[in-house]
N, C-alpha and C. Protein backbone atom coordinates (compact mmCIF):
# COMPACT_ATOMS: atom_id res chain seq x y z
N MET A 1 167.56 -2.12 70.12
CA MET A 1 166.21 -1.77 70.50
C MET A 1 166.23 -0.61 71.49
N LYS A 2 167.15 -0.65 72.43
CA LYS A 2 167.22 0.42 73.41
C LYS A 2 167.51 1.76 72.75
N ARG A 3 168.41 1.74 71.76
CA ARG A 3 168.77 2.97 71.07
C ARG A 3 167.55 3.55 70.33
N ALA A 4 166.76 2.70 69.68
CA ALA A 4 165.55 3.14 68.98
C ALA A 4 164.55 3.70 69.97
N HIS A 5 164.39 3.04 71.11
CA HIS A 5 163.47 3.51 72.14
C HIS A 5 163.89 4.88 72.65
N PHE A 6 165.19 5.08 72.83
CA PHE A 6 165.71 6.36 73.28
C PHE A 6 165.43 7.45 72.24
N GLY A 7 165.57 7.10 70.95
CA GLY A 7 165.29 8.06 69.88
C GLY A 7 163.84 8.52 69.89
N TYR A 8 162.92 7.57 70.07
CA TYR A 8 161.49 7.93 70.16
C TYR A 8 161.22 8.81 71.37
N LEU A 9 161.82 8.45 72.48
CA LEU A 9 161.65 9.20 73.72
C LEU A 9 162.18 10.62 73.55
N PHE A 10 163.36 10.73 72.93
CA PHE A 10 163.98 12.04 72.73
C PHE A 10 163.11 12.91 71.82
N ARG A 11 162.65 12.33 70.70
CA ARG A 11 161.80 13.09 69.77
C ARG A 11 160.50 13.50 70.45
N GLY A 12 159.92 12.63 71.26
CA GLY A 12 158.69 12.97 71.99
C GLY A 12 158.91 14.10 72.97
N ALA A 13 160.03 14.04 73.69
CA ALA A 13 160.34 15.10 74.66
C ALA A 13 160.59 16.42 73.93
N LEU A 14 161.28 16.36 72.79
CA LEU A 14 161.55 17.55 72.01
C LEU A 14 160.24 18.16 71.49
N ALA A 15 159.34 17.33 71.00
CA ALA A 15 158.05 17.82 70.51
C ALA A 15 157.25 18.46 71.64
N LEU A 16 157.27 17.85 72.82
CA LEU A 16 156.57 18.40 73.98
C LEU A 16 157.16 19.75 74.37
N LEU A 17 158.48 19.86 74.39
CA LEU A 17 159.14 21.11 74.73
C LEU A 17 158.80 22.20 73.73
N MET A 18 158.78 21.85 72.45
CA MET A 18 158.45 22.83 71.41
C MET A 18 157.00 23.30 71.54
N SER A 19 156.07 22.39 71.84
CA SER A 19 154.68 22.79 71.99
C SER A 19 154.50 23.65 73.23
N MET A 20 155.23 23.36 74.29
CA MET A 20 155.15 24.19 75.50
C MET A 20 155.68 25.59 75.22
N THR A 21 156.75 25.69 74.43
CA THR A 21 157.30 26.99 74.05
C THR A 21 156.30 27.77 73.22
N THR A 22 155.61 27.09 72.30
CA THR A 22 154.60 27.74 71.47
C THR A 22 153.45 28.24 72.33
N LEU A 23 153.00 27.42 73.30
CA LEU A 23 151.92 27.85 74.19
C LEU A 23 152.35 29.04 75.03
N ALA A 24 153.57 29.01 75.56
CA ALA A 24 154.07 30.12 76.36
C ALA A 24 154.15 31.38 75.50
N SER A 25 154.57 31.23 74.26
CA SER A 25 154.67 32.36 73.35
C SER A 25 153.29 32.94 73.07
N ALA A 26 152.28 32.07 72.86
CA ALA A 26 150.91 32.54 72.62
C ALA A 26 150.36 33.24 73.86
N ASP A 27 150.65 32.69 75.05
CA ASP A 27 150.21 33.33 76.29
C ASP A 27 150.87 34.69 76.46
N ASP A 28 152.16 34.79 76.13
CA ASP A 28 152.87 36.06 76.22
C ASP A 28 152.27 37.08 75.27
N ALA A 29 151.93 36.66 74.06
CA ALA A 29 151.33 37.56 73.07
C ALA A 29 149.96 38.04 73.55
N LYS A 30 149.18 37.13 74.14
CA LYS A 30 147.86 37.50 74.65
C LYS A 30 148.00 38.50 75.79
N GLU A 31 148.92 38.23 76.73
CA GLU A 31 149.14 39.15 77.86
C GLU A 31 149.59 40.52 77.36
N ALA A 32 150.44 40.55 76.35
CA ALA A 32 150.89 41.83 75.79
C ALA A 32 149.72 42.58 75.17
N ALA A 33 148.84 41.87 74.47
CA ALA A 33 147.65 42.51 73.86
C ALA A 33 146.72 43.04 74.93
N ILE A 34 146.54 42.29 76.01
CA ILE A 34 145.69 42.74 77.12
C ILE A 34 146.26 44.01 77.74
N LYS A 35 147.56 44.01 78.03
CA LYS A 35 148.20 45.20 78.62
C LYS A 35 148.06 46.41 77.70
N LYS A 36 148.25 46.17 76.40
CA LYS A 36 148.15 47.28 75.43
C LYS A 36 146.74 47.87 75.45
N ASP A 37 145.72 47.02 75.39
CA ASP A 37 144.34 47.54 75.39
C ASP A 37 143.96 48.16 76.73
N HIS A 38 144.40 47.58 77.84
CA HIS A 38 144.12 48.19 79.15
C HIS A 38 144.73 49.59 79.23
N LYS A 39 145.94 49.74 78.70
CA LYS A 39 146.60 51.05 78.72
C LYS A 39 145.83 52.03 77.85
N LEU A 40 145.33 51.56 76.71
CA LEU A 40 144.56 52.42 75.81
C LEU A 40 143.19 52.78 76.40
N ILE A 41 142.61 51.85 77.15
CA ILE A 41 141.30 52.09 77.77
C ILE A 41 141.42 53.04 78.97
N GLU A 42 142.57 53.03 79.62
CA GLU A 42 142.77 53.83 80.84
C GLU A 42 142.40 55.30 80.59
N GLY A 43 141.66 55.88 81.54
CA GLY A 43 141.29 57.28 81.45
C GLY A 43 139.81 57.49 81.65
N THR A 44 139.36 58.70 81.36
CA THR A 44 137.96 59.07 81.53
C THR A 44 137.29 59.15 80.16
N TRP A 45 136.14 58.49 80.05
CA TRP A 45 135.40 58.41 78.81
C TRP A 45 133.98 58.92 79.01
N ARG A 46 133.53 59.78 78.12
CA ARG A 46 132.16 60.30 78.16
C ARG A 46 131.30 59.45 77.23
N ILE A 47 130.13 59.08 77.72
CA ILE A 47 129.19 58.36 76.87
C ILE A 47 128.61 59.35 75.86
N LYS A 48 128.70 58.99 74.59
CA LYS A 48 128.16 59.85 73.52
C LYS A 48 126.80 59.36 73.07
N THR A 49 126.64 58.03 72.93
CA THR A 49 125.34 57.47 72.58
C THR A 49 125.10 56.22 73.42
N LEU A 50 123.84 56.01 73.75
CA LEU A 50 123.45 54.87 74.58
C LEU A 50 122.16 54.32 74.01
N GLU A 51 122.16 53.00 73.78
CA GLU A 51 120.98 52.34 73.23
C GLU A 51 120.71 51.09 74.08
N VAL A 52 119.50 50.99 74.62
CA VAL A 52 119.12 49.87 75.47
C VAL A 52 117.89 49.20 74.86
N ASN A 53 118.00 47.91 74.58
CA ASN A 53 116.89 47.16 73.99
C ASN A 53 116.36 47.82 72.71
N GLY A 54 117.25 48.46 71.96
CA GLY A 54 116.86 49.11 70.72
C GLY A 54 116.35 50.52 70.89
N ASN A 55 116.24 51.00 72.12
CA ASN A 55 115.76 52.36 72.38
C ASN A 55 116.94 53.29 72.64
N LYS A 56 117.06 54.33 71.82
CA LYS A 56 118.16 55.28 71.98
C LYS A 56 117.82 56.28 73.08
N ALA A 57 118.79 56.47 73.97
CA ALA A 57 118.64 57.47 75.03
C ALA A 57 118.81 58.86 74.42
N ASP A 58 118.16 59.82 75.01
CA ASP A 58 118.32 61.21 74.61
C ASP A 58 119.78 61.59 74.80
N ALA A 59 120.36 62.29 73.84
CA ALA A 59 121.78 62.66 73.89
C ALA A 59 122.12 63.44 75.16
N ALA A 60 121.22 64.32 75.58
CA ALA A 60 121.47 65.11 76.79
C ALA A 60 121.57 64.20 78.03
N ASP A 61 120.79 63.13 78.05
CA ASP A 61 120.85 62.19 79.17
C ASP A 61 122.10 61.32 79.09
N ALA A 62 122.41 60.82 77.91
CA ALA A 62 123.56 59.92 77.73
C ALA A 62 124.87 60.61 78.10
N THR A 63 125.03 61.85 77.70
CA THR A 63 126.30 62.54 77.93
C THR A 63 126.51 62.98 79.37
N LYS A 64 125.55 62.75 80.25
CA LYS A 64 125.72 63.02 81.68
C LYS A 64 126.63 61.98 82.33
N PHE A 65 126.85 60.86 81.64
CA PHE A 65 127.60 59.74 82.21
C PHE A 65 129.03 59.70 81.71
N THR A 66 129.94 59.43 82.63
CA THR A 66 131.34 59.16 82.30
C THR A 66 131.76 57.87 82.99
N VAL A 67 132.76 57.25 82.40
CA VAL A 67 133.36 56.05 82.99
C VAL A 67 134.85 56.33 83.13
N VAL A 68 135.37 56.06 84.34
CA VAL A 68 136.79 56.18 84.59
C VAL A 68 137.36 54.78 84.65
N ASN A 69 138.32 54.50 83.76
CA ASN A 69 138.92 53.17 83.67
C ASN A 69 140.36 53.20 84.16
N GLY A 70 140.71 52.21 85.00
CA GLY A 70 142.09 52.04 85.42
C GLY A 70 142.79 51.07 84.49
N SER A 71 144.12 51.09 84.49
CA SER A 71 144.89 50.21 83.60
C SER A 71 144.86 48.76 84.09
N ASP A 72 144.27 48.53 85.27
CA ASP A 72 144.21 47.18 85.84
C ASP A 72 142.84 46.52 85.65
N GLY A 73 141.96 47.14 84.86
CA GLY A 73 140.64 46.56 84.62
C GLY A 73 139.56 47.09 85.56
N THR A 74 139.92 47.98 86.48
CA THR A 74 138.90 48.57 87.35
C THR A 74 138.21 49.70 86.60
N TRP A 75 136.97 49.98 87.01
CA TRP A 75 136.21 51.05 86.38
C TRP A 75 135.23 51.63 87.39
N SER A 76 134.81 52.86 87.13
CA SER A 76 133.75 53.47 87.93
C SER A 76 132.88 54.31 86.99
N LEU A 77 131.57 54.20 87.21
CA LEU A 77 130.58 54.92 86.41
C LEU A 77 130.12 56.12 87.21
N HIS A 78 130.11 57.29 86.54
CA HIS A 78 129.72 58.53 87.20
C HIS A 78 128.57 59.18 86.44
N SER A 79 127.63 59.76 87.19
CA SER A 79 126.55 60.54 86.61
C SER A 79 126.67 61.94 87.16
N GLU A 80 126.93 62.88 86.26
CA GLU A 80 127.13 64.28 86.63
C GLU A 80 128.12 64.41 87.78
N GLY A 81 129.21 63.64 87.70
CA GLY A 81 130.29 63.74 88.68
C GLY A 81 130.16 62.84 89.89
N ASN A 82 129.01 62.23 90.11
CA ASN A 82 128.80 61.37 91.28
C ASN A 82 128.95 59.90 90.89
N GLU A 83 129.75 59.15 91.65
CA GLU A 83 129.93 57.73 91.37
C GLU A 83 128.64 56.98 91.65
N VAL A 84 128.17 56.21 90.67
CA VAL A 84 126.94 55.43 90.84
C VAL A 84 127.20 53.93 90.82
N ALA A 85 128.37 53.53 90.34
CA ALA A 85 128.73 52.11 90.31
C ALA A 85 130.22 51.99 90.06
N LYS A 86 130.77 50.86 90.47
CA LYS A 86 132.17 50.57 90.14
C LYS A 86 132.32 49.06 90.05
N GLY A 87 133.44 48.63 89.48
CA GLY A 87 133.64 47.20 89.35
C GLY A 87 134.96 46.86 88.69
N THR A 88 135.01 45.63 88.20
CA THR A 88 136.20 45.12 87.54
C THR A 88 135.82 44.54 86.18
N SER A 89 136.82 44.44 85.32
CA SER A 89 136.58 43.85 84.01
C SER A 89 137.78 43.04 83.58
N THR A 90 137.52 42.07 82.72
CA THR A 90 138.57 41.32 82.06
C THR A 90 138.31 41.40 80.57
N ILE A 91 139.39 41.51 79.81
CA ILE A 91 139.26 41.64 78.36
C ILE A 91 140.09 40.57 77.66
N ASP A 92 139.70 40.29 76.44
CA ASP A 92 140.49 39.41 75.58
C ASP A 92 140.52 40.02 74.18
N PRO A 93 141.56 40.83 73.92
CA PRO A 93 141.66 41.47 72.61
C PRO A 93 142.09 40.53 71.49
N THR A 94 142.38 39.28 71.81
CA THR A 94 142.77 38.32 70.76
C THR A 94 141.56 37.67 70.11
N GLN A 95 140.38 37.86 70.68
CA GLN A 95 139.14 37.30 70.11
C GLN A 95 138.63 38.22 69.01
N LYS A 96 137.83 37.68 68.12
CA LYS A 96 137.20 38.47 67.05
C LYS A 96 135.70 38.31 67.16
N PRO A 97 134.91 39.31 67.55
CA PRO A 97 135.36 40.60 68.04
C PRO A 97 135.99 40.48 69.43
N LYS A 98 136.68 41.54 69.84
CA LYS A 98 137.32 41.57 71.15
C LYS A 98 136.24 41.39 72.22
N THR A 99 136.57 40.65 73.30
CA THR A 99 135.57 40.39 74.33
C THR A 99 135.91 41.08 75.65
N ILE A 100 134.86 41.35 76.41
CA ILE A 100 134.99 41.95 77.73
C ILE A 100 133.94 41.32 78.64
N ASP A 101 134.33 41.04 79.87
CA ASP A 101 133.42 40.60 80.92
C ASP A 101 133.60 41.59 82.06
N PHE A 102 132.51 42.13 82.56
CA PHE A 102 132.65 43.05 83.69
C PHE A 102 131.64 42.73 84.78
N THR A 103 132.09 42.99 86.00
CA THR A 103 131.30 42.67 87.18
C THR A 103 131.25 43.89 88.09
N PRO A 104 130.08 44.47 88.29
CA PRO A 104 129.96 45.57 89.25
C PRO A 104 130.22 45.08 90.68
N THR A 105 131.00 45.84 91.42
CA THR A 105 131.23 45.53 92.84
C THR A 105 130.41 46.44 93.74
N SER A 106 129.78 47.44 93.14
CA SER A 106 128.82 48.30 93.86
C SER A 106 127.83 48.84 92.84
N GLY A 107 126.69 49.26 93.34
CA GLY A 107 125.66 49.79 92.44
C GLY A 107 124.77 48.69 91.90
N GLN A 108 124.01 49.03 90.86
CA GLN A 108 123.07 48.10 90.25
C GLN A 108 123.82 46.89 89.67
N ASP A 109 123.21 45.72 89.76
CA ASP A 109 123.76 44.46 89.24
C ASP A 109 125.04 44.02 89.96
N GLN A 110 125.23 44.48 91.18
CA GLN A 110 126.41 44.13 91.96
C GLN A 110 126.61 42.61 92.01
N GLY A 111 127.83 42.17 91.70
CA GLY A 111 128.18 40.76 91.77
C GLY A 111 127.79 39.94 90.56
N GLN A 112 127.08 40.52 89.60
CA GLN A 112 126.67 39.78 88.41
C GLN A 112 127.63 40.11 87.25
N THR A 113 128.02 39.10 86.51
CA THR A 113 128.93 39.30 85.39
C THR A 113 128.14 39.49 84.10
N MET A 114 128.50 40.55 83.39
CA MET A 114 127.90 40.83 82.08
C MET A 114 128.97 40.62 81.03
N ARG A 115 128.57 39.97 79.95
CA ARG A 115 129.52 39.64 78.89
C ARG A 115 129.25 40.51 77.67
N GLY A 116 130.34 40.97 77.07
CA GLY A 116 130.18 41.85 75.93
C GLY A 116 131.33 41.76 74.95
N ILE A 117 131.27 42.66 73.99
CA ILE A 117 132.31 42.83 72.98
C ILE A 117 132.68 44.30 72.94
N TYR A 118 133.88 44.59 72.46
CA TYR A 118 134.29 45.99 72.37
C TYR A 118 135.15 46.24 71.15
N GLU A 119 135.18 47.52 70.80
CA GLU A 119 136.01 48.01 69.71
C GLU A 119 136.71 49.24 70.28
N LEU A 120 138.00 49.37 70.01
CA LEU A 120 138.78 50.41 70.67
C LEU A 120 139.68 51.13 69.69
N LYS A 121 139.60 52.45 69.73
CA LYS A 121 140.51 53.31 68.99
C LYS A 121 141.13 54.28 69.99
N LYS A 122 142.00 55.14 69.53
CA LYS A 122 142.73 56.01 70.46
C LYS A 122 141.78 56.87 71.31
N ASN A 123 140.79 57.49 70.70
CA ASN A 123 139.91 58.41 71.43
C ASN A 123 138.43 58.05 71.37
N THR A 124 138.11 56.90 70.80
CA THR A 124 136.72 56.44 70.77
C THR A 124 136.70 54.95 71.08
N ARG A 125 135.60 54.51 71.59
CA ARG A 125 135.41 53.07 71.78
C ARG A 125 133.93 52.75 71.76
N LYS A 126 133.66 51.49 71.49
CA LYS A 126 132.29 51.01 71.39
C LYS A 126 132.20 49.75 72.24
N LEU A 127 131.08 49.61 72.95
CA LEU A 127 130.85 48.47 73.83
C LEU A 127 129.43 47.99 73.62
N CYS A 128 129.26 46.69 73.47
CA CYS A 128 127.94 46.09 73.39
C CYS A 128 127.92 44.92 74.35
N PHE A 129 126.96 44.91 75.26
CA PHE A 129 126.92 43.83 76.24
C PHE A 129 125.50 43.38 76.51
N ALA A 130 125.41 42.18 77.05
CA ALA A 130 124.13 41.57 77.37
C ALA A 130 123.91 41.65 78.87
N PRO A 131 122.66 41.66 79.32
CA PRO A 131 122.40 41.58 80.76
C PRO A 131 122.99 40.29 81.34
N ALA A 132 123.23 40.28 82.63
CA ALA A 132 123.78 39.10 83.30
C ALA A 132 122.94 37.88 82.98
N GLY A 133 123.61 36.76 82.74
CA GLY A 133 122.92 35.51 82.45
C GLY A 133 122.55 35.30 80.99
N ARG A 134 122.79 36.29 80.16
CA ARG A 134 122.47 36.19 78.73
C ARG A 134 123.74 35.94 77.93
N ASN A 135 123.59 35.45 76.70
CA ASN A 135 124.72 35.17 75.84
C ASN A 135 125.44 36.44 75.41
N ARG A 136 126.73 36.31 75.21
CA ARG A 136 127.56 37.43 74.74
C ARG A 136 127.11 37.84 73.34
N PRO A 137 127.02 39.14 73.07
CA PRO A 137 126.69 39.60 71.72
C PRO A 137 127.77 39.15 70.73
N THR A 138 127.39 39.00 69.50
CA THR A 138 128.35 38.67 68.44
C THR A 138 128.50 39.83 67.47
N GLU A 139 127.64 40.84 67.62
CA GLU A 139 127.71 42.04 66.79
C GLU A 139 127.28 43.25 67.60
N PHE A 140 127.61 44.42 67.11
CA PHE A 140 127.28 45.67 67.81
C PHE A 140 125.87 46.11 67.42
N SER A 141 124.88 45.55 68.12
CA SER A 141 123.49 45.92 67.85
C SER A 141 122.68 45.82 69.13
N SER A 142 121.66 46.63 69.20
CA SER A 142 120.74 46.61 70.33
C SER A 142 119.33 46.63 69.79
N THR A 143 118.58 45.57 70.10
CA THR A 143 117.19 45.48 69.66
C THR A 143 116.34 45.02 70.84
N ALA A 144 115.04 45.14 70.70
CA ALA A 144 114.14 44.64 71.74
C ALA A 144 114.30 43.14 71.89
N GLU A 145 114.61 42.45 70.80
CA GLU A 145 114.74 41.00 70.85
C GLU A 145 116.02 40.55 71.56
N ASN A 146 117.16 41.16 71.23
CA ASN A 146 118.41 40.69 71.84
C ASN A 146 118.68 41.32 73.21
N GLN A 147 117.99 42.39 73.55
CA GLN A 147 118.10 43.08 74.85
C GLN A 147 119.52 43.55 75.16
N HIS A 148 120.33 43.80 74.14
CA HIS A 148 121.69 44.26 74.35
C HIS A 148 121.73 45.75 74.64
N ILE A 149 122.83 46.15 75.25
CA ILE A 149 123.08 47.56 75.53
C ILE A 149 124.27 47.97 74.69
N LEU A 150 124.11 48.98 73.88
CA LEU A 150 125.15 49.47 72.98
C LEU A 150 125.55 50.87 73.43
N VAL A 151 126.85 51.04 73.68
CA VAL A 151 127.36 52.32 74.19
C VAL A 151 128.54 52.76 73.33
N LYS A 152 128.54 54.04 72.97
CA LYS A 152 129.68 54.63 72.26
C LYS A 152 130.25 55.71 73.15
N PHE A 153 131.59 55.67 73.29
CA PHE A 153 132.29 56.59 74.18
C PHE A 153 133.27 57.46 73.39
N GLU A 154 133.58 58.60 74.00
CA GLU A 154 134.62 59.47 73.49
C GLU A 154 135.52 59.83 74.67
N ARG A 155 136.83 59.77 74.45
CA ARG A 155 137.78 60.09 75.53
C ARG A 155 137.65 61.56 75.94
N GLU A 156 137.62 61.79 77.24
CA GLU A 156 137.63 63.16 77.76
C GLU A 156 139.03 63.72 77.59
N LYS A 157 139.16 64.87 77.05
CA LYS A 157 140.47 65.47 76.85
C LYS A 157 141.05 65.91 78.20
N GLY A 158 142.32 65.64 78.38
CA GLY A 158 143.01 66.09 79.60
C GLY A 158 142.68 65.28 80.83
N LYS A 159 142.02 64.11 80.69
CA LYS A 159 141.67 63.31 81.87
C LYS A 159 142.17 61.91 81.72
């Protein structure tokens, strides 16, 4: 009986160790994906199009804004070269669509977390987010009903 009990105990411990290894492996893969996307996001991005509550901003107004992103999730928003807000963000590129949460530490909406989704390529990216306290978007759309903000960026060359 003792030998059988030991066998069950051993198999249980082995199964637990294997599941912990799988979880650690999944966490490592997620961390690697986060680092990869943060590195790709790093730099200066010019807003090309901006849509708020379904209303498209004039292109001349939208392109006055740039966002400078650090590889650590920090960001700062600039209007014609002047910083108007800054904050932090967390991303999860393993979600479908990829998710982002950002919190301004200065400027409008300071201290409030906004939840969104993003799409990222080498020199372009798309971001759709909801105002603080609202549900995360599930698609890249901005309407009067969903009150989402849809932004398309282009990487600034040489920055």
